[in-house]
Amino acid sequence: MKKNKFNPGARITIFFVTFAIIFFSLGLWQIERGQAKTVLLDEFDKNSVIEPQEIKQDSKKWERVYVEGTWYGANQILIDNVINGGIAGYKVLTPFRLNETGDLILIDRGWIKRNRNMSDLPNISIKDIKERVSGILESPELGLVLSDELVSSEWPKISQTKNIDVISKEYNESIYPLILLADPISRYSLEYIKINPTNMTPVKHYGYSAQWFLMFIVLCGMYVWYGYKKNEK
């Protein structure tokens, strides 16, 4: 009895090599993403418990800082479609003028419930008083927007995104390039929603990696099986 020779053919071999490289590369990429997310979460957790440092021009995302200055309640922005405990509401961004530089930074004071009548905005009034506010710096991405009009025209304005590049265009002066998520200890704090630094955990990335490697193994098995099966007499 003759042994079958392994000869899958040129076209099948090209197909196998192409997709084997893709599947294996995607598996490695997901591992790298998982490792990067682990570093990010470790850094975020570390920054969350340290004492806040005074904000600087070169302060970075996820740093824990404090600012000293005056609230500027005239030109506030409501971030629309923020769900908290299954209830629709807004995140409230309030300008804050820094004592040292005179620059404006937007402070996320927290979440407030939306009224039944959407045209009736909730009360977000605030006195222009001096205060020290601490929190974590963030730089939200543009994300999924539900309207072509990202920001309404009348103050307080309603925005479909928390992205600082979009929101800062609504002001006639420069805005600090990061948003400060305030600790829930200010006299003007609203309901605090803990920040989530990533929308996918490292475990999910490792799970996707395992799926890509499994597909790679299955593809290898099918290639070997076909290479011998094709030449059965």
C-alpha atoms as a PDB file:
ATOM      1  CA  MET A   1       0.000   0.000   0.000  1.00  0.00           C
ATOM      2  CA  LYS A   2       1.475   3.329  -1.067  1.00  0.00           C
ATOM      3  CA  LYS A   3       1.707   6.146   1.356  1.00  0.00           C
ATOM      4  CA  ASN A   4      -0.027   9.322   0.326  1.00  0.00           C
ATOM      5  CA  LYS A   5       2.288  12.157  -0.561  1.00  0.00           C
ATOM      6  CA  PHE A   6       1.737  15.602   0.843  1.00  0.00           C
ATOM      7  CA  ASN A   7       0.903  17.795  -2.121  1.00  0.00           C
ATOM      8  CA  PRO A   8      -1.814  20.391  -1.473  1.00  0.00           C
ATOM      9  CA  GLY A   9      -1.079  22.370  -4.612  1.00  0.00           C
ATOM     10  CA  ALA A  10       0.202  25.878  -5.200  1.00  0.00           C
ATOM     11  CA  ARG A  11      -3.107  27.755  -4.888  1.00  0.00           C
ATOM     12  CA  ILE A  12      -4.062  26.098  -1.585  1.00  0.00           C
ATOM     13  CA  THR A  13      -0.543  26.719  -0.256  1.00  0.00           C
ATOM     14  CA  ILE A  14      -0.726  30.426  -1.126  1.00  0.00           C
ATOM     15  CA  PHE A  15      -4.146  30.623   0.532  1.00  0.00           C
ATOM     16  CA  PHE A  16      -2.830  28.856   3.634  1.00  0.00           C
ATOM     17  CA  VAL A  17       0.302  30.979   3.997  1.00  0.00           C
ATOM     18  CA  THR A  18      -1.636  34.223   3.536  1.00  0.00           C
ATOM     19  CA  PHE A  19      -4.292  33.509   6.136  1.00  0.00           C
ATOM     20  CA  ALA A  20      -1.928  31.734   8.513  1.00  0.00           C
ATOM     21  CA  ILE A  21       0.193  34.891   8.670  1.00  0.00           C
ATOM     22  CA  ILE A  22      -2.926  37.035   9.169  1.00  0.00           C
ATOM     23  CA  PHE A  23      -4.383  34.874  11.954  1.00  0.00           C
ATOM     24  CA  PHE A  24      -1.066  34.506  13.785  1.00  0.00           C
ATOM     25  CA  SER A  25      -0.285  38.215  13.485  1.00  0.00           C
ATOM     26  CA  LEU A  26      -3.719  39.170  14.811  1.00  0.00           C
ATOM     27  CA  GLY A  27      -3.192  36.854  17.777  1.00  0.00           C
ATOM     28  CA  LEU A  28       0.114  38.521  18.599  1.00  0.00           C
ATOM     29  CA  TRP A  29      -1.441  41.974  18.132  1.00  0.00           C
ATOM     30  CA  GLN A  30      -4.206  41.198  20.613  1.00  0.00           C
ATOM     31  CA  ILE A  31      -1.622  40.050  23.167  1.00  0.00           C
ATOM     32  CA  GLU A  32       0.265  43.321  22.720  1.00  0.00           C
ATOM     33  CA  ARG A  33      -2.991  45.258  23.120  1.00  0.00           C
ATOM     34  CA  GLY A  34      -3.777  43.342  26.293  1.00  0.00           C
ATOM     35  CA  GLN A  35      -0.339  44.084  27.721  1.00  0.00           C
ATOM     36  CA  ALA A  36      -0.695  47.773  26.843  1.00  0.00           C
ATOM     37  CA  LYS A  37      -4.115  47.924  28.539  1.00  0.00           C
ATOM     38  CA  THR A  38      -2.637  46.285  31.653  1.00  0.00           C
ATOM     39  CA  VAL A  39       0.044  48.985  31.831  1.00  0.00           C
ATOM     40  CA  LEU A  40      -2.591  51.687  31.295  1.00  0.00           C
ATOM     41  CA  LEU A  41      -4.868  50.356  34.046  1.00  0.00           C
ATOM     42  CA  ASP A  42      -1.959  49.974  36.475  1.00  0.00           C
ATOM     43  CA  GLU A  43      -0.873  53.552  35.798  1.00  0.00           C
ATOM     44  CA  PHE A  44      -4.435  54.833  36.161  1.00  0.00           C
ATOM     45  CA  ASP A  45      -4.975  52.992  39.453  1.00  0.00           C
ATOM     46  CA  LYS A  46      -1.675  54.339  40.760  1.00  0.00           C
ATOM     47  CA  ASN A  47      -2.557  57.918  39.806  1.00  0.00           C
ATOM     48  CA  SER A  48      -6.014  57.592  41.367  1.00  0.00           C
ATOM     49  CA  VAL A  49      -4.702  57.227  44.906  1.00  0.00           C
ATOM     50  CA  ILE A  50      -1.808  59.681  44.984  1.00  0.00           C
ATOM     51  CA  GLU A  51      -2.068  63.212  46.298  1.00  0.00           C
ATOM     52  CA  PRO A  52      -2.998  65.681  43.542  1.00  0.00           C
ATOM     53  CA  GLN A  53      -0.237  67.923  42.236  1.00  0.00           C
ATOM     54  CA  GLU A  54      -0.725  71.470  41.006  1.00  0.00           C
ATOM     55  CA  ILE A  55      -1.679  71.514  37.333  1.00  0.00           C
ATOM     56  CA  LYS A  56       1.007  72.500  34.832  1.00  0.00           C
ATOM     57  CA  GLN A  57       1.062  73.358  31.162  1.00  0.00           C
ATOM     58  CA  ASP A  58       2.596  69.949  30.423  1.00  0.00           C
ATOM     59  CA  SER A  59       0.363  67.877  32.738  1.00  0.00           C
ATOM     60  CA  LYS A  60      -0.727  64.657  31.065  1.00  0.00           C
ATOM     61  CA  LYS A  61      -3.850  62.573  30.666  1.00  0.00           C
ATOM     62  CA  TRP A  62      -4.783  60.524  33.769  1.00  0.00           C
ATOM     63  CA  GLU A  63      -2.629  62.667  36.059  1.00  0.00           C
ATOM     64  CA  ARG A  64      -4.209  63.602  39.378  1.00  0.00           C
ATOM     65  CA  VAL A  65      -4.025  67.380  39.799  1.00  0.00           C
ATOM     66  CA  TYR A  66      -5.623  70.329  41.517  1.00  0.00           C
ATOM     67  CA  VAL A  67      -6.504  73.796  40.236  1.00  0.00           C
ATOM     68  CA  GLU A  68      -7.100  77.053  42.072  1.00  0.00           C
ATOM     69  CA  GLY A  69      -9.230  79.751  40.551  1.00  0.00           C
ATOM     70  CA  THR A  70     -12.760  80.984  39.925  1.00  0.00           C
ATOM     71  CA  TRP A  71     -15.802  79.248  38.494  1.00  0.00           C
ATOM     72  CA  TYR A  72     -17.245  80.851  35.371  1.00  0.00           C
ATOM     73  CA  GLY A  73     -20.850  79.653  35.216  1.00  0.00           C
ATOM     74  CA  ALA A  74     -22.111  81.723  32.285  1.00  0.00           C
ATOM     75  CA  ASN A  75     -20.866  79.450  29.487  1.00  0.00           C
ATOM     76  CA  GLN A  76     -21.466  75.883  30.589  1.00  0.00           C
ATOM     77  CA  ILE A  77     -21.835  72.843  28.336  1.00  0.00           C
ATOM     78  CA  LEU A  78     -24.083  69.825  28.854  1.00  0.00           C
ATOM     79  CA  ILE A  79     -22.857  66.533  27.401  1.00  0.00           C
ATOM     80  CA  ASP A  80     -25.954  64.765  26.110  1.00  0.00           C
ATOM     81  CA  ASN A  81     -26.932  61.076  26.208  1.00  0.00           C
ATOM     82  CA  VAL A  82     -24.981  60.095  29.322  1.00  0.00           C
ATOM     83  CA  ILE A  83     -26.640  57.056  30.912  1.00  0.00           C
ATOM     84  CA  ASN A  84     -26.242  56.535  34.657  1.00  0.00           C
ATOM     85  CA  GLY A  85     -27.987  53.594  36.292  1.00  0.00           C
ATOM     86  CA  GLY A  86     -30.273  53.224  33.295  1.00  0.00           C
ATOM     87  CA  ILE A  87     -31.340  56.886  33.496  1.00  0.00           C
ATOM     88  CA  ALA A  88     -30.591  59.433  30.755  1.00  0.00           C
ATOM     89  CA  GLY A  89     -28.879  62.630  31.732  1.00  0.00           C
ATOM     90  CA  TYR A  90     -26.028  65.022  31.102  1.00  0.00           C
ATOM     91  CA  LYS A  91     -22.438  65.522  32.153  1.00  0.00           C
ATOM     92  CA  VAL A  92     -21.920  69.173  33.139  1.00  0.00           C
ATOM     93  CA  LEU A  93     -18.749  70.958  32.000  1.00  0.00           C
ATOM     94  CA  THR A  94     -18.107  74.300  33.671  1.00  0.00           C
ATOM     95  CA  PRO A  95     -15.299  76.725  32.758  1.00  0.00           C
ATOM     96  CA  PHE A  96     -12.841  77.520  35.547  1.00  0.00           C
ATOM     97  CA  ARG A  97     -10.338  80.385  35.352  1.00  0.00           C
ATOM     98  CA  LEU A  98      -6.932  79.574  36.808  1.00  0.00           C
ATOM     99  CA  ASN A  99      -5.463  82.066  39.266  1.00  0.00           C
ATOM    100  CA  GLU A 100      -1.884  81.663  38.133  1.00  0.00           C
ATOM    101  CA  THR A 101      -2.241  81.954  34.352  1.00  0.00           C
ATOM    102  CA  GLY A 102      -5.746  83.330  33.793  1.00  0.00           C
ATOM    103  CA  ASP A 103      -6.418  80.461  31.374  1.00  0.00           C
ATOM    104  CA  LEU A 104      -9.693  78.536  31.252  1.00  0.00           C
ATOM    105  CA  ILE A 105     -10.010  74.834  31.934  1.00  0.00           C
ATOM    106  CA  LEU A 106     -13.242  72.877  31.600  1.00  0.00           C
ATOM    107  CA  ILE A 107     -14.203  70.977  34.735  1.00  0.00           C
ATOM    108  CA  ASP A 108     -16.550  68.003  34.670  1.00  0.00           C
ATOM    109  CA  ARG A 109     -18.702  68.624  37.755  1.00  0.00           C
ATOM    110  CA  GLY A 110     -20.580  65.337  37.373  1.00  0.00           C
ATOM    111  CA  TRP A 111     -23.877  63.928  36.132  1.00  0.00           C
ATOM    112  CA  ILE A 112     -27.385  65.368  36.380  1.00  0.00           C
ATOM    113  CA  LYS A 113     -30.685  63.753  35.430  1.00  0.00           C
ATOM    114  CA  ARG A 114     -32.498  64.901  32.308  1.00  0.00           C
ATOM    115  CA  ASN A 115     -35.963  66.426  32.753  1.00  0.00           C
ATOM    116  CA  ARG A 116     -38.965  64.729  31.136  1.00  0.00           C
ATOM    117  CA  ASN A 117     -39.344  67.691  28.829  1.00  0.00           C
ATOM    118  CA  MET A 118     -36.003  67.736  27.005  1.00  0.00           C
ATOM    119  CA  SER A 119     -36.394  71.416  26.162  1.00  0.00           C
ATOM    120  CA  ASP A 120     -36.512  72.153  29.893  1.00  0.00           C
ATOM    121  CA  LEU A 121     -32.868  71.942  30.902  1.00  0.00           C
ATOM    122  CA  PRO A 122     -31.916  71.000  34.462  1.00  0.00           C
ATOM    123  CA  ASN A 123     -30.689  73.673  36.849  1.00  0.00           C
ATOM    124  CA  ILE A 124     -26.898  73.831  36.620  1.00  0.00           C
ATOM    125  CA  SER A 125     -26.441  77.363  37.916  1.00  0.00           C
ATOM    126  CA  ILE A 126     -23.256  78.088  39.814  1.00  0.00           C
ATOM    127  CA  LYS A 127     -21.845  81.163  41.521  1.00  0.00           C
ATOM    128  CA  ASP A 128     -18.602  82.612  40.203  1.00  0.00           C
ATOM    129  CA  ILE A 129     -16.654  82.008  43.385  1.00  0.00           C
ATOM    130  CA  LYS A 130     -13.061  81.045  44.069  1.00  0.00           C
ATOM    131  CA  GLU A 131     -12.323  77.453  44.937  1.00  0.00           C
ATOM    132  CA  ARG A 132      -9.680  74.737  44.821  1.00  0.00           C
ATOM    133  CA  VAL A 133     -10.748  71.709  42.799  1.00  0.00           C
ATOM    134  CA  SER A 134      -8.930  68.388  42.493  1.00  0.00           C
ATOM    135  CA  GLY A 135      -9.469  65.510  40.111  1.00  0.00           C
ATOM    136  CA  ILE A 136      -8.130  63.490  37.187  1.00  0.00           C
ATOM    137  CA  LEU A 137      -7.270  64.872  33.771  1.00  0.00           C
ATOM    138  CA  GLU A 138      -8.901  63.181  30.806  1.00  0.00           C
ATOM    139  CA  SER A 139      -9.035  63.556  27.042  1.00  0.00           C
ATOM    140  CA  PRO A 140     -12.258  61.944  25.759  1.00  0.00           C
ATOM    141  CA  GLU A 141     -12.349  60.728  22.165  1.00  0.00           C
ATOM    142  CA  LEU A 142     -14.960  61.940  19.690  1.00  0.00           C
ATOM    143  CA  GLY A 143     -16.864  58.659  19.934  1.00  0.00           C
ATOM    144  CA  LEU A 144     -20.192  57.829  18.313  1.00  0.00           C
ATOM    145  CA  VAL A 145     -22.304  60.930  17.654  1.00  0.00           C
ATOM    146  CA  LEU A 146     -26.036  60.817  16.978  1.00  0.00           C
ATOM    147  CA  SER A 147     -26.430  64.146  15.209  1.00  0.00           C
ATOM    148  CA  ASP A 148     -24.748  66.220  12.515  1.00  0.00           C
ATOM    149  CA  GLU A 149     -24.996  69.222  14.849  1.00  0.00           C
ATOM    150  CA  LEU A 150     -22.431  68.382  17.509  1.00  0.00           C
ATOM    151  CA  VAL A 151     -23.019  71.462  19.668  1.00  0.00           C
ATOM    152  CA  SER A 152     -26.151  73.609  20.008  1.00  0.00           C
ATOM    153  CA  SER A 153     -26.037  77.370  19.563  1.00  0.00           C
ATOM    154  CA  GLU A 154     -27.501  78.776  22.807  1.00  0.00           C
ATOM    155  CA  TRP A 155     -25.873  78.795  26.264  1.00  0.00           C
ATOM    156  CA  PRO A 156     -25.856  76.558  28.145  1.00  0.00           C
ATOM    157  CA  LYS A 157     -24.926  74.551  25.068  1.00  0.00           C
ATOM    158  CA  ILE A 158     -25.714  70.881  24.553  1.00  0.00           C
ATOM    159  CA  SER A 159     -22.939  68.807  23.016  1.00  0.00           C
ATOM    160  CA  GLN A 160     -23.115  65.331  21.499  1.00  0.00           C
ATOM    161  CA  THR A 161     -19.482  64.707  22.415  1.00  0.00           C
ATOM    162  CA  LYS A 162     -17.099  65.373  25.278  1.00  0.00           C
ATOM    163  CA  ASN A 163     -14.147  65.702  22.939  1.00  0.00           C
ATOM    164  CA  ILE A 164     -12.137  68.769  23.975  1.00  0.00           C
ATOM    165  CA  ASP A 165     -11.124  69.634  20.401  1.00  0.00           C
ATOM    166  CA  VAL A 166     -14.789  70.024  19.469  1.00  0.00           C
ATOM    167  CA  ILE A 167     -15.957  71.765  22.631  1.00  0.00           C
ATOM    168  CA  SER A 168     -13.088  74.258  22.843  1.00  0.00           C
ATOM    169  CA  LYS A 169     -14.210  75.821  19.535  1.00  0.00           C
ATOM    170  CA  GLU A 170     -17.281  77.184  21.330  1.00  0.00           C
ATOM    171  CA  TYR A 171     -15.173  79.611  23.353  1.00  0.00           C
ATOM    172  CA  ASN A 172     -13.552  82.845  22.252  1.00  0.00           C
ATOM    173  CA  GLU A 173     -10.334  82.147  24.136  1.00  0.00           C
ATOM    174  CA  SER A 174      -7.962  79.228  24.426  1.00  0.00           C
ATOM    175  CA  ILE A 175      -9.028  76.294  26.596  1.00  0.00           C
ATOM    176  CA  TYR A 176      -6.672  73.941  28.457  1.00  0.00           C
ATOM    177  CA  PRO A 177      -6.303  70.865  26.203  1.00  0.00           C
ATOM    178  CA  LEU A 178      -7.546  68.394  28.844  1.00  0.00           C
ATOM    179  CA  ILE A 179     -10.754  68.143  30.875  1.00  0.00           C
ATOM    180  CA  LEU A 180     -10.584  67.870  34.665  1.00  0.00           C
ATOM    181  CA  LEU A 181     -12.955  65.276  36.111  1.00  0.00           C
ATOM    182  CA  ALA A 182     -13.558  66.795  39.547  1.00  0.00           C
ATOM    183  CA  ASP A 183     -13.512  64.771  42.751  1.00  0.00           C
ATOM    184  CA  PRO A 184     -16.990  64.664  44.342  1.00  0.00           C
ATOM    185  CA  ILE A 185     -15.970  66.953  47.212  1.00  0.00           C
ATOM    186  CA  SER A 186     -16.492  70.392  45.685  1.00  0.00           C
ATOM    187  CA  ARG A 187     -19.475  72.403  46.916  1.00  0.00           C
ATOM    188  CA  TYR A 188     -20.728  72.366  43.316  1.00  0.00           C
ATOM    189  CA  SER A 189     -20.164  68.667  42.656  1.00  0.00           C
ATOM    190  CA  LEU A 190     -22.961  66.744  40.985  1.00  0.00           C
ATOM    191  CA  GLU A 191     -23.335  62.969  40.894  1.00  0.00           C
ATOM    192  CA  TYR A 192     -19.925  61.398  40.351  1.00  0.00           C
ATOM    193  CA  ILE A 193     -19.409  58.733  37.691  1.00  0.00           C
ATOM    194  CA  LYS A 194     -16.134  56.890  38.029  1.00  0.00           C
ATOM    195  CA  ILE A 195     -13.989  57.203  34.949  1.00  0.00           C
ATOM    196  CA  ASN A 196     -13.235  54.140  32.816  1.00  0.00           C
ATOM    197  CA  PRO A 197      -9.843  54.561  31.139  1.00  0.00           C
ATOM    198  CA  THR A 198     -10.467  51.839  28.558  1.00  0.00           C
ATOM    199  CA  ASN A 199     -13.504  50.365  26.817  1.00  0.00           C
ATOM    200  CA  MET A 200     -11.972  46.883  26.645  1.00  0.00           C
ATOM    201  CA  THR A 201     -10.246  44.974  29.437  1.00  0.00           C
ATOM    202  CA  PRO A 202      -6.951  43.066  28.991  1.00  0.00           C
ATOM    203  CA  VAL A 203      -8.838  39.789  29.535  1.00  0.00           C
ATOM    204  CA  LYS A 204     -10.988  40.439  26.463  1.00  0.00           C
ATOM    205  CA  HIS A 205      -7.909  41.118  24.363  1.00  0.00           C
ATOM    206  CA  TYR A 206      -6.349  37.850  25.521  1.00  0.00           C
ATOM    207  CA  GLY A 207      -9.620  36.068  24.734  1.00  0.00           C
ATOM    208  CA  TYR A 208      -9.597  37.445  21.186  1.00  0.00           C
ATOM    209  CA  SER A 209      -5.957  36.429  20.910  1.00  0.00           C
ATOM    210  CA  ALA A 210      -6.849  32.839  21.843  1.00  0.00           C
ATOM    211  CA  GLN A 211      -9.547  32.817  19.146  1.00  0.00           C
ATOM    212  CA  TRP A 212      -7.102  33.970  16.454  1.00  0.00           C
ATOM    213  CA  PHE A 213      -4.545  31.345  17.489  1.00  0.00           C
ATOM    214  CA  LEU A 214      -7.258  28.674  17.489  1.00  0.00           C
ATOM    215  CA  MET A 215      -8.213  29.667  13.945  1.00  0.00           C
ATOM    216  CA  PHE A 216      -4.526  29.459  13.020  1.00  0.00           C
ATOM    217  CA  ILE A 217      -4.273  25.915  14.433  1.00  0.00           C
ATOM    218  CA  VAL A 218      -7.484  24.810  12.690  1.00  0.00           C
ATOM    219  CA  LEU A 219      -6.213  26.258   9.410  1.00  0.00           C
ATOM    220  CA  CYS A 220      -2.941  24.342   9.784  1.00  0.00           C
ATOM    221  CA  GLY A 221      -4.843  21.121  10.457  1.00  0.00           C
ATOM    222  CA  MET A 222      -7.077  21.611   7.425  1.00  0.00           C
ATOM    223  CA  TYR A 223      -4.067  22.355   5.228  1.00  0.00           C
ATOM    224  CA  VAL A 224      -2.284  19.164   6.287  1.00  0.00           C
ATOM    225  CA  TRP A 225      -5.457  17.096   5.936  1.00  0.00           C
ATOM    226  CA  TYR A 226      -6.183  18.461   2.466  1.00  0.00           C
ATOM    227  CA  GLY A 227      -2.578  17.986   1.356  1.00  0.00           C
ATOM    228  CA  TYR A 228      -2.785  14.253   2.027  1.00  0.00           C
ATOM    229  CA  LYS A 229      -6.465  13.746   1.190  1.00  0.00           C
ATOM    230  CA  LYS A 230      -6.049  15.255  -2.281  1.00  0.00           C
ATOM    231  CA  ASN A 231      -3.629  12.511  -3.302  1.00  0.00           C
ATOM    232  CA  GLU A 232      -5.512   9.483  -1.997  1.00  0.00           C
ATOM    233  CA  LYS A 233      -5.760   6.789  -4.636  1.00  0.00           C
END
